[in-house]
Amino acid sequence: MELRTLGYFVAVADAGSVSAAAEAVHVTQPAVSRQLRQLEHDLGVDLFVRSAGRLRLSAAGREFLPHARDVLRRADGARAAARSYAAGRLERLTIAAPTTTLTDVIAPFLATLDPGDPMPTVLESGPRAADDALRNGADLAIMTGPPRTSLASTPIAVLPVWAYATADHVPPGSSVRLADLLDETLLVLTPGFKPRQILDAAIDRAGLVAGDLVECSNPQVAQALAAAGRGVAVVTDDPRFDLRGVEIMGRDGPLRIELFAAWEPDHHAAATLAGLATRLSAFCVERYGADVAPA
């Protein structure tokens, strides 16, 4: 059963005669009649009642007609989608990113999308799984480390790792020395999270020893505990619970986390994804200031 034959069937049903349908589809009348016979043979049922040289839909034909229309409509939709893909357009967009990035960066960015942008779907990828998400169908992944070299990618932002505490707990100033911070009870994330890895690496480089660490599996929980006066939260989130944040100065400078956008280079909408990544980077600069722009 071919789409063309289904089109002839619908044309005859709409026009009321083979001759009128043949004129509408720009095919000879015998060719249309032959195709209708073939369709009925393939289906094993008469779609028309033939009487005195005229055709009218049989009961089976009336039942089959909406199915034929649906198949043709879906085929037209598939052709339109394929043309869109060939032109590099993207109707739907799946973004994968870690939890903090979704909450503080991706969600606010999505609020700025235009009506002509793809409809987004967002996946929480976990601290290490953004790269795997691309292999499983995500279009764009936001990562906290350099992507594998086989991917197309661009840096998005370089964001501070913050020390958050109540206003009366954090010393005045825009930063705190790592050595001084280690005198506090630190509310840190578990080792799978990038902010924790950055903190641990900075402590090792400085030759320091961590003191009292309380591990949290969620950055908002760490901030909540800091708001309760239980210590200083070390996270990259935006501030919550009226906490005050200062940057942490390690031996080699402030502790920072890098964000990258990555996508498969052979993606049919690679140019669209690159444009969205550029817009996301510009959004981060607008939201957090020029200091977060990647070098």
C-alpha atoms as a PDB file:
ATOM      1  CA  MET A   1       0.000   0.000   0.000  1.00  0.00           C
ATOM      2  CA  GLU A   2       1.583   3.250  -1.173  1.00  0.00           C
ATOM      3  CA  LEU A   3       0.939   6.780   0.036  1.00  0.00           C
ATOM      4  CA  ARG A   4       0.194   7.822  -3.538  1.00  0.00           C
ATOM      5  CA  THR A   5      -2.556   5.212  -3.806  1.00  0.00           C
ATOM      6  CA  LEU A   6      -4.071   6.347  -0.506  1.00  0.00           C
ATOM      7  CA  GLY A   7      -4.038   9.878  -1.911  1.00  0.00           C
ATOM      8  CA  TYR A   8      -5.991   8.737  -4.971  1.00  0.00           C
ATOM      9  CA  PHE A   9      -8.553   7.019  -2.748  1.00  0.00           C
ATOM     10  CA  VAL A  10      -9.086  10.156  -0.662  1.00  0.00           C
ATOM     11  CA  ALA A  11      -9.251  12.295  -3.805  1.00  0.00           C
ATOM     12  CA  VAL A  12     -12.010  10.116  -5.299  1.00  0.00           C
ATOM     13  CA  ALA A  13     -13.905  10.104  -1.999  1.00  0.00           C
ATOM     14  CA  ASP A  14     -13.718  13.905  -1.840  1.00  0.00           C
ATOM     15  CA  ALA A  15     -14.411  14.581  -5.538  1.00  0.00           C
ATOM     16  CA  GLY A  16     -17.200  12.029  -5.906  1.00  0.00           C
ATOM     17  CA  SER A  17     -15.939  10.582  -9.176  1.00  0.00           C
ATOM     18  CA  VAL A  18     -12.806   9.111 -10.713  1.00  0.00           C
ATOM     19  CA  SER A  19     -12.743  11.680 -13.514  1.00  0.00           C
ATOM     20  CA  ALA A  20     -12.916  14.648 -11.133  1.00  0.00           C
ATOM     21  CA  ALA A  21     -10.290  13.101  -8.848  1.00  0.00           C
ATOM     22  CA  ALA A  22      -7.977  12.370 -11.787  1.00  0.00           C
ATOM     23  CA  GLU A  23      -8.161  16.010 -12.839  1.00  0.00           C
ATOM     24  CA  ALA A  24      -7.440  17.142  -9.268  1.00  0.00           C
ATOM     25  CA  VAL A  25      -4.346  14.948  -8.872  1.00  0.00           C
ATOM     26  CA  HIS A  26      -3.175  15.455 -12.474  1.00  0.00           C
ATOM     27  CA  VAL A  27      -3.262  11.763 -13.388  1.00  0.00           C
ATOM     28  CA  THR A  28      -5.229   9.987 -16.109  1.00  0.00           C
ATOM     29  CA  GLN A  29      -8.589   8.458 -15.210  1.00  0.00           C
ATOM     30  CA  PRO A  30      -7.527   4.876 -16.089  1.00  0.00           C
ATOM     31  CA  ALA A  31      -4.449   5.192 -13.861  1.00  0.00           C
ATOM     32  CA  VAL A  32      -6.591   6.283 -10.897  1.00  0.00           C
ATOM     33  CA  SER A  33      -9.064   3.442 -11.490  1.00  0.00           C
ATOM     34  CA  ARG A  34      -6.228   0.939 -11.689  1.00  0.00           C
ATOM     35  CA  GLN A  35      -4.682   2.192  -8.458  1.00  0.00           C
ATOM     36  CA  LEU A  36      -8.028   1.975  -6.642  1.00  0.00           C
ATOM     37  CA  ARG A  37      -8.449  -1.623  -7.754  1.00  0.00           C
ATOM     38  CA  GLN A  38      -4.945  -2.394  -6.537  1.00  0.00           C
ATOM     39  CA  LEU A  39      -5.648  -0.780  -3.156  1.00  0.00           C
ATOM     40  CA  GLU A  40      -8.830  -2.818  -2.742  1.00  0.00           C
ATOM     41  CA  HIS A  41      -6.919  -5.961  -3.676  1.00  0.00           C
ATOM     42  CA  ASP A  42      -4.185  -5.180  -1.144  1.00  0.00           C
ATOM     43  CA  LEU A  43      -6.726  -4.515   1.605  1.00  0.00           C
ATOM     44  CA  GLY A  44      -8.984  -7.419   0.686  1.00  0.00           C
ATOM     45  CA  VAL A  45     -12.143  -5.309   0.799  1.00  0.00           C
ATOM     46  CA  ASP A  46     -14.210  -3.217  -1.617  1.00  0.00           C
ATOM     47  CA  LEU A  47     -13.922   0.454  -0.761  1.00  0.00           C
ATOM     48  CA  PHE A  48     -16.469   1.580  -3.356  1.00  0.00           C
ATOM     49  CA  VAL A  49     -19.808   0.371  -4.621  1.00  0.00           C
ATOM     50  CA  ARG A  50     -19.799   0.529  -8.428  1.00  0.00           C
ATOM     51  CA  SER A  51     -23.138   1.028 -10.100  1.00  0.00           C
ATOM     52  CA  ALA A  52     -24.048   2.371 -13.520  1.00  0.00           C
ATOM     53  CA  GLY A  53     -20.552   3.704 -14.031  1.00  0.00           C
ATOM     54  CA  ARG A  54     -20.587   5.655 -10.794  1.00  0.00           C
ATOM     55  CA  LEU A  55     -18.738   5.142  -7.504  1.00  0.00           C
ATOM     56  CA  ARG A  56     -19.891   5.629  -3.962  1.00  0.00           C
ATOM     57  CA  LEU A  57     -18.109   4.692  -0.796  1.00  0.00           C
ATOM     58  CA  SER A  58     -18.970   1.311   0.641  1.00  0.00           C
ATOM     59  CA  ALA A  59     -19.479   0.883   4.368  1.00  0.00           C
ATOM     60  CA  ALA A  60     -15.881  -0.347   4.578  1.00  0.00           C
ATOM     61  CA  GLY A  61     -14.746   2.652   2.538  1.00  0.00           C
ATOM     62  CA  ARG A  62     -16.445   5.081   4.907  1.00  0.00           C
ATOM     63  CA  GLU A  63     -14.749   3.365   7.857  1.00  0.00           C
ATOM     64  CA  PHE A  64     -11.370   3.343   6.105  1.00  0.00           C
ATOM     65  CA  LEU A  65     -11.451   6.961   4.912  1.00  0.00           C
ATOM     66  CA  PRO A  66     -10.461   8.651   8.241  1.00  0.00           C
ATOM     67  CA  HIS A  67      -7.569   6.185   8.617  1.00  0.00           C
ATOM     68  CA  ALA A  68      -6.325   7.055   5.150  1.00  0.00           C
ATOM     69  CA  ARG A  69      -6.565  10.771   5.898  1.00  0.00           C
ATOM     70  CA  ASP A  70      -4.624  10.252   9.137  1.00  0.00           C
ATOM     71  CA  VAL A  71      -1.830   8.352   7.372  1.00  0.00           C
ATOM     72  CA  LEU A  72      -1.522  11.085   4.742  1.00  0.00           C
ATOM     73  CA  ARG A  73      -1.532  13.800   7.383  1.00  0.00           C
ATOM     74  CA  ARG A  74       1.219  12.045   9.322  1.00  0.00           C
ATOM     75  CA  ALA A  75       3.230  11.558   6.145  1.00  0.00           C
ATOM     76  CA  ASP A  76       2.947  15.273   5.366  1.00  0.00           C
ATOM     77  CA  GLY A  77       4.110  16.023   8.911  1.00  0.00           C
ATOM     78  CA  ALA A  78       7.076  13.686   8.510  1.00  0.00           C
ATOM     79  CA  ARG A  79       8.066  15.354   5.242  1.00  0.00           C
ATOM     80  CA  ALA A  80       7.823  18.807   6.821  1.00  0.00           C
ATOM     81  CA  ALA A  81       9.934  17.658   9.766  1.00  0.00           C
ATOM     82  CA  ALA A  82      12.545  16.186   7.439  1.00  0.00           C
ATOM     83  CA  ARG A  83      12.723  19.456   5.506  1.00  0.00           C
ATOM     84  CA  SER A  84      13.170  21.275   8.804  1.00  0.00           C
ATOM     85  CA  TYR A  85      15.982  18.912   9.834  1.00  0.00           C
ATOM     86  CA  ALA A  86      17.686  19.318   6.472  1.00  0.00           C
ATOM     87  CA  ALA A  87      17.589  23.088   6.968  1.00  0.00           C
ATOM     88  CA  GLY A  88      19.231  22.710  10.394  1.00  0.00           C
ATOM     89  CA  ARG A  89      16.171  23.744  12.382  1.00  0.00           C
ATOM     90  CA  LEU A  90      15.255  22.244  15.740  1.00  0.00           C
ATOM     91  CA  GLU A  91      11.623  22.009  16.832  1.00  0.00           C
ATOM     92  CA  ARG A  92      12.330  20.455  20.248  1.00  0.00           C
ATOM     93  CA  LEU A  93      15.431  20.824  22.388  1.00  0.00           C
ATOM     94  CA  THR A  94      16.578  18.481  25.158  1.00  0.00           C
ATOM     95  CA  ILE A  95      19.087  20.016  27.577  1.00  0.00           C
ATOM     96  CA  ALA A  96      20.936  17.978  30.199  1.00  0.00           C
ATOM     97  CA  ALA A  97      22.701  19.675  33.104  1.00  0.00           C
ATOM     98  CA  PRO A  98      23.601  19.198  36.780  1.00  0.00           C
ATOM     99  CA  THR A  99      21.029  20.209  39.387  1.00  0.00           C
ATOM    100  CA  THR A 100      22.566  23.521  40.437  1.00  0.00           C
ATOM    101  CA  THR A 101      23.087  24.593  36.833  1.00  0.00           C
ATOM    102  CA  LEU A 102      19.492  23.745  35.980  1.00  0.00           C
ATOM    103  CA  THR A 103      18.128  25.792  38.864  1.00  0.00           C
ATOM    104  CA  ASP A 104      20.357  28.859  38.717  1.00  0.00           C
ATOM    105  CA  VAL A 105      21.376  29.068  35.047  1.00  0.00           C
ATOM    106  CA  ILE A 106      19.278  26.985  32.669  1.00  0.00           C
ATOM    107  CA  ALA A 107      15.802  27.705  34.087  1.00  0.00           C
ATOM    108  CA  PRO A 108      16.321  31.505  34.137  1.00  0.00           C
ATOM    109  CA  PHE A 109      17.768  31.306  30.615  1.00  0.00           C
ATOM    110  CA  LEU A 110      14.732  29.397  29.333  1.00  0.00           C
ATOM    111  CA  ALA A 111      12.557  32.271  30.519  1.00  0.00           C
ATOM    112  CA  THR A 112      14.283  34.476  27.918  1.00  0.00           C
ATOM    113  CA  LEU A 113      13.602  32.214  24.907  1.00  0.00           C
ATOM    114  CA  ASP A 114      11.728  33.618  21.935  1.00  0.00           C
ATOM    115  CA  PRO A 115       8.565  32.063  20.438  1.00  0.00           C
ATOM    116  CA  GLY A 116      10.629  30.933  17.456  1.00  0.00           C
ATOM    117  CA  ASP A 117      13.096  28.997  19.601  1.00  0.00           C
ATOM    118  CA  PRO A 118      12.759  25.219  20.031  1.00  0.00           C
ATOM    119  CA  MET A 119      10.466  23.873  22.731  1.00  0.00           C
ATOM    120  CA  PRO A 120      12.848  22.813  25.539  1.00  0.00           C
ATOM    121  CA  THR A 121      12.885  19.706  27.673  1.00  0.00           C
ATOM    122  CA  VAL A 122      15.297  19.668  30.609  1.00  0.00           C
ATOM    123  CA  LEU A 123      16.987  16.619  32.122  1.00  0.00           C
ATOM    124  CA  GLU A 124      18.798  16.526  35.435  1.00  0.00           C
ATOM    125  CA  SER A 125      21.981  14.716  34.491  1.00  0.00           C
ATOM    126  CA  GLY A 126      23.652  14.286  37.872  1.00  0.00           C
ATOM    127  CA  PRO A 127      27.143  15.480  38.707  1.00  0.00           C
ATOM    128  CA  ARG A 128      28.927  13.289  36.146  1.00  0.00           C
ATOM    129  CA  ALA A 129      26.358  12.146  33.611  1.00  0.00           C
ATOM    130  CA  ALA A 130      25.918  15.098  31.234  1.00  0.00           C
ATOM    131  CA  ASP A 131      28.233  13.489  28.693  1.00  0.00           C
ATOM    132  CA  ASP A 132      26.288  10.221  28.861  1.00  0.00           C
ATOM    133  CA  ALA A 133      23.073  12.171  28.294  1.00  0.00           C
ATOM    134  CA  LEU A 134      24.271  13.140  24.809  1.00  0.00           C
ATOM    135  CA  ARG A 135      24.696   9.485  23.971  1.00  0.00           C
ATOM    136  CA  ASN A 136      21.134   8.862  25.137  1.00  0.00           C
ATOM    137  CA  GLY A 137      19.349  11.520  23.127  1.00  0.00           C
ATOM    138  CA  ALA A 138      20.038  14.929  24.704  1.00  0.00           C
ATOM    139  CA  ASP A 139      20.774  17.654  22.162  1.00  0.00           C
ATOM    140  CA  LEU A 140      22.798  19.934  24.428  1.00  0.00           C
ATOM    141  CA  ALA A 141      24.685  19.087  27.621  1.00  0.00           C
ATOM    142  CA  ILE A 142      26.005  21.551  30.173  1.00  0.00           C
ATOM    143  CA  MET A 143      29.110  20.234  31.928  1.00  0.00           C
ATOM    144  CA  THR A 144      31.348  21.301  34.781  1.00  0.00           C
ATOM    145  CA  GLY A 145      34.521  20.107  33.080  1.00  0.00           C
ATOM    146  CA  PRO A 146      36.021  20.052  29.590  1.00  0.00           C
ATOM    147  CA  PRO A 147      33.992  17.767  27.284  1.00  0.00           C
ATOM    148  CA  ARG A 148      35.593  14.889  25.406  1.00  0.00           C
ATOM    149  CA  THR A 149      37.462  16.056  22.335  1.00  0.00           C
ATOM    150  CA  SER A 150      35.100  14.301  19.909  1.00  0.00           C
ATOM    151  CA  LEU A 151      32.301  16.701  20.879  1.00  0.00           C
ATOM    152  CA  ALA A 152      31.641  20.196  19.622  1.00  0.00           C
ATOM    153  CA  SER A 153      31.723  22.517  22.610  1.00  0.00           C
ATOM    154  CA  THR A 154      32.143  26.040  23.886  1.00  0.00           C
ATOM    155  CA  PRO A 155      32.884  27.500  27.339  1.00  0.00           C
ATOM    156  CA  ILE A 156      29.845  29.113  28.942  1.00  0.00           C
ATOM    157  CA  ALA A 157      30.995  30.770  32.160  1.00  0.00           C
ATOM    158  CA  VAL A 158      33.486  30.674  35.015  1.00  0.00           C
ATOM    159  CA  LEU A 159      31.546  30.957  38.274  1.00  0.00           C
ATOM    160  CA  PRO A 160      32.788  31.384  41.856  1.00  0.00           C
ATOM    161  CA  VAL A 161      32.728  28.701  44.508  1.00  0.00           C
ATOM    162  CA  TRP A 162      31.043  30.510  47.398  1.00  0.00           C
ATOM    163  CA  ALA A 163      31.356  30.308  51.148  1.00  0.00           C
ATOM    164  CA  TYR A 164      27.846  31.012  52.474  1.00  0.00           C
ATOM    165  CA  ALA A 165      26.944  31.777  56.085  1.00  0.00           C
ATOM    166  CA  THR A 166      24.753  34.102  58.080  1.00  0.00           C
ATOM    167  CA  ALA A 167      25.719  37.788  57.960  1.00  0.00           C
ATOM    168  CA  ASP A 168      27.151  37.756  61.485  1.00  0.00           C
ATOM    169  CA  HIS A 169      29.233  34.661  60.745  1.00  0.00           C
ATOM    170  CA  VAL A 170      31.074  35.687  57.566  1.00  0.00           C
ATOM    171  CA  PRO A 171      33.923  38.183  58.034  1.00  0.00           C
ATOM    172  CA  PRO A 172      33.601  41.488  56.179  1.00  0.00           C
ATOM    173  CA  GLY A 173      35.075  41.614  52.690  1.00  0.00           C
ATOM    174  CA  SER A 174      34.493  40.031  49.303  1.00  0.00           C
ATOM    175  CA  SER A 175      36.661  36.970  49.920  1.00  0.00           C
ATOM    176  CA  VAL A 176      38.003  34.662  52.601  1.00  0.00           C
ATOM    177  CA  ARG A 177      41.319  32.841  52.642  1.00  0.00           C
ATOM    178  CA  LEU A 178      41.038  29.082  52.334  1.00  0.00           C
ATOM    179  CA  ALA A 179      43.312  28.606  55.358  1.00  0.00           C
ATOM    180  CA  ASP A 180      40.976  30.720  57.483  1.00  0.00           C
ATOM    181  CA  LEU A 181      37.892  28.974  56.133  1.00  0.00           C
ATOM    182  CA  LEU A 182      39.198  25.590  57.260  1.00  0.00           C
ATOM    183  CA  ASP A 183      38.872  26.728  60.877  1.00  0.00           C
ATOM    184  CA  GLU A 184      35.100  26.616  60.387  1.00  0.00           C
ATOM    185  CA  THR A 185      32.682  23.707  60.215  1.00  0.00           C
ATOM    186  CA  LEU A 186      32.236  23.332  56.450  1.00  0.00           C
ATOM    187  CA  LEU A 187      28.979  22.128  54.955  1.00  0.00           C
ATOM    188  CA  VAL A 188      30.245  20.511  51.764  1.00  0.00           C
ATOM    189  CA  LEU A 189      28.767  18.399  49.002  1.00  0.00           C
ATOM    190  CA  THR A 190      29.601  14.738  48.553  1.00  0.00           C
ATOM    191  CA  PRO A 191      32.743  13.944  46.519  1.00  0.00           C
ATOM    192  CA  GLY A 192      30.839  13.325  43.278  1.00  0.00           C
ATOM    193  CA  PHE A 193      29.980  17.024  42.975  1.00  0.00           C
ATOM    194  CA  LYS A 194      32.337  19.380  41.185  1.00  0.00           C
ATOM    195  CA  PRO A 195      32.386  22.110  43.911  1.00  0.00           C
ATOM    196  CA  ARG A 196      33.604  19.515  46.422  1.00  0.00           C
ATOM    197  CA  GLN A 197      36.279  18.322  44.012  1.00  0.00           C
ATOM    198  CA  ILE A 198      37.461  21.911  43.492  1.00  0.00           C
ATOM    199  CA  LEU A 199      37.615  22.480  47.244  1.00  0.00           C
ATOM    200  CA  ASP A 200      39.525  19.237  47.887  1.00  0.00           C
ATOM    201  CA  ALA A 201      42.011  20.006  45.117  1.00  0.00           C
ATOM    202  CA  ALA A 202      42.621  23.525  46.478  1.00  0.00           C
ATOM    203  CA  ILE A 203      43.234  22.144  49.973  1.00  0.00           C
ATOM    204  CA  ASP A 204      45.743  19.624  48.582  1.00  0.00           C
ATOM    205  CA  ARG A 205      47.574  22.239  46.506  1.00  0.00           C
ATOM    206  CA  ALA A 206      47.916  24.516  49.518  1.00  0.00           C
ATOM    207  CA  GLY A 207      49.233  21.694  51.678  1.00  0.00           C
ATOM    208  CA  LEU A 208      46.412  22.238  54.162  1.00  0.00           C
ATOM    209  CA  VAL A 209      44.335  19.783  56.159  1.00  0.00           C
ATOM    210  CA  ALA A 210      40.549  19.904  56.185  1.00  0.00           C
ATOM    211  CA  GLY A 211      38.965  20.130  59.596  1.00  0.00           C
ATOM    212  CA  ASP A 212      35.313  19.533  60.363  1.00  0.00           C
ATOM    213  CA  LEU A 213      33.460  18.605  57.153  1.00  0.00           C
ATOM    214  CA  VAL A 214      29.750  17.827  57.095  1.00  0.00           C
ATOM    215  CA  GLU A 215      28.727  16.231  53.804  1.00  0.00           C
ATOM    216  CA  CYS A 216      25.416  17.116  52.132  1.00  0.00           C
ATOM    217  CA  SER A 217      23.906  15.414  49.097  1.00  0.00           C
ATOM    218  CA  ASN A 218      22.143  18.593  47.957  1.00  0.00           C
ATOM    219  CA  PRO A 219      23.483  22.162  47.768  1.00  0.00           C
ATOM    220  CA  GLN A 220      20.241  23.716  49.013  1.00  0.00           C
ATOM    221  CA  VAL A 221      20.398  21.516  52.084  1.00  0.00           C
ATOM    222  CA  ALA A 222      23.935  22.790  52.724  1.00  0.00           C
ATOM    223  CA  GLN A 223      22.676  26.370  52.543  1.00  0.00           C
ATOM    224  CA  ALA A 224      19.729  25.551  54.799  1.00  0.00           C
ATOM    225  CA  LEU A 225      22.089  24.178  57.434  1.00  0.00           C
ATOM    226  CA  ALA A 226      24.261  27.273  57.107  1.00  0.00           C
ATOM    227  CA  ALA A 227      21.173  29.428  57.667  1.00  0.00           C
ATOM    228  CA  ALA A 228      20.546  27.424  60.832  1.00  0.00           C
ATOM    229  CA  GLY A 229      24.007  28.387  62.074  1.00  0.00           C
ATOM    230  CA  ARG A 230      25.509  24.920  61.665  1.00  0.00           C
ATOM    231  CA  GLY A 231      28.496  26.038  59.629  1.00  0.00           C
ATOM    232  CA  VAL A 232      29.632  27.531  56.320  1.00  0.00           C
ATOM    233  CA  ALA A 233      28.226  26.091  53.085  1.00  0.00           C
ATOM    234  CA  VAL A 234      30.701  25.675  50.230  1.00  0.00           C
ATOM    235  CA  VAL A 235      28.653  25.555  47.011  1.00  0.00           C
ATOM    236  CA  THR A 236      28.255  27.280  43.665  1.00  0.00           C
ATOM    237  CA  ASP A 237      24.502  27.975  43.967  1.00  0.00           C
ATOM    238  CA  ASP A 238      22.932  31.401  44.040  1.00  0.00           C
ATOM    239  CA  PRO A 239      22.364  32.539  47.666  1.00  0.00           C
ATOM    240  CA  ARG A 240      19.286  31.416  49.556  1.00  0.00           C
ATOM    241  CA  PHE A 241      17.875  31.886  53.071  1.00  0.00           C
ATOM    242  CA  ASP A 242      19.342  35.426  53.299  1.00  0.00           C
ATOM    243  CA  LEU A 243      22.866  34.038  53.459  1.00  0.00           C
ATOM    244  CA  ARG A 244      25.896  36.137  52.739  1.00  0.00           C
ATOM    245  CA  GLY A 245      28.466  34.802  50.310  1.00  0.00           C
ATOM    246  CA  VAL A 246      32.168  35.490  49.811  1.00  0.00           C
ATOM    247  CA  GLU A 247      34.615  34.025  47.354  1.00  0.00           C
ATOM    248  CA  ILE A 248      37.231  31.570  48.574  1.00  0.00           C
ATOM    249  CA  MET A 249      40.858  32.452  47.873  1.00  0.00           C
ATOM    250  CA  GLY A 250      43.120  29.439  47.435  1.00  0.00           C
ATOM    251  CA  ARG A 251      46.853  29.318  46.875  1.00  0.00           C
ATOM    252  CA  ASP A 252      46.432  29.960  43.149  1.00  0.00           C
ATOM    253  CA  GLY A 253      43.608  32.481  43.346  1.00  0.00           C
ATOM    254  CA  PRO A 254      39.833  32.305  43.770  1.00  0.00           C
ATOM    255  CA  LEU A 255      38.131  28.928  43.557  1.00  0.00           C
ATOM    256  CA  ARG A 256      36.075  28.802  40.374  1.00  0.00           C
ATOM    257  CA  ILE A 257      33.949  26.309  38.496  1.00  0.00           C
ATOM    258  CA  GLU A 258      33.853  26.239  34.689  1.00  0.00           C
ATOM    259  CA  LEU A 259      30.724  25.544  32.675  1.00  0.00           C
ATOM    260  CA  PHE A 260      30.831  24.160  29.137  1.00  0.00           C
ATOM    261  CA  ALA A 261      28.129  23.476  26.583  1.00  0.00           C
ATOM    262  CA  ALA A 262      28.645  20.419  24.381  1.00  0.00           C
ATOM    263  CA  TRP A 263      26.809  18.723  21.519  1.00  0.00           C
ATOM    264  CA  GLU A 264      27.455  16.088  18.882  1.00  0.00           C
ATOM    265  CA  PRO A 265      29.267  17.707  15.930  1.00  0.00           C
ATOM    266  CA  ASP A 266      27.184  15.764  13.391  1.00  0.00           C
ATOM    267  CA  HIS A 267      23.868  16.873  14.929  1.00  0.00           C
ATOM    268  CA  HIS A 268      21.584  18.088  12.146  1.00  0.00           C
ATOM    269  CA  ALA A 269      21.033  21.351  14.069  1.00  0.00           C
ATOM    270  CA  ALA A 270      24.633  21.835  15.203  1.00  0.00           C
ATOM    271  CA  ALA A 271      24.613  25.475  14.105  1.00  0.00           C
ATOM    272  CA  THR A 272      21.415  26.124  16.075  1.00  0.00           C
ATOM    273  CA  LEU A 273      22.911  24.492  19.171  1.00  0.00           C
ATOM    274  CA  ALA A 274      26.072  26.566  18.838  1.00  0.00           C
ATOM    275  CA  GLY A 275      23.937  29.701  18.645  1.00  0.00           C
ATOM    276  CA  LEU A 276      21.991  28.738  21.765  1.00  0.00           C
ATOM    277  CA  ALA A 277      25.259  28.062  23.622  1.00  0.00           C
ATOM    278  CA  THR A 278      26.534  31.516  22.667  1.00  0.00           C
ATOM    279  CA  ARG A 279      23.297  33.080  23.903  1.00  0.00           C
ATOM    280  CA  LEU A 280      23.561  31.121  27.154  1.00  0.00           C
ATOM    281  CA  SER A 281      27.068  32.448  27.725  1.00  0.00           C
ATOM    282  CA  ALA A 282      25.910  36.016  27.101  1.00  0.00           C
ATOM    283  CA  PHE A 283      23.015  35.430  29.513  1.00  0.00           C
ATOM    284  CA  CYS A 284      25.432  34.338  32.247  1.00  0.00           C
ATOM    285  CA  VAL A 285      27.456  37.519  31.794  1.00  0.00           C
ATOM    286  CA  GLU A 286      24.286  39.611  31.972  1.00  0.00           C
ATOM    287  CA  ARG A 287      23.090  37.746  35.062  1.00  0.00           C
ATOM    288  CA  TYR A 288      26.340  37.506  37.050  1.00  0.00           C
ATOM    289  CA  GLY A 289      28.586  40.206  35.599  1.00  0.00           C
ATOM    290  CA  ALA A 290      31.521  40.433  33.218  1.00  0.00           C
ATOM    291  CA  ASP A 291      33.813  38.549  35.602  1.00  0.00           C
ATOM    292  CA  VAL A 292      32.146  35.232  34.741  1.00  0.00           C
ATOM    293  CA  ALA A 293      32.884  35.481  31.008  1.00  0.00           C
ATOM    294  CA  PRO A 294      35.137  32.600  29.922  1.00  0.00           C
ATOM    295  CA  ALA A 295      38.628  33.572  28.857  1.00  0.00           C
END
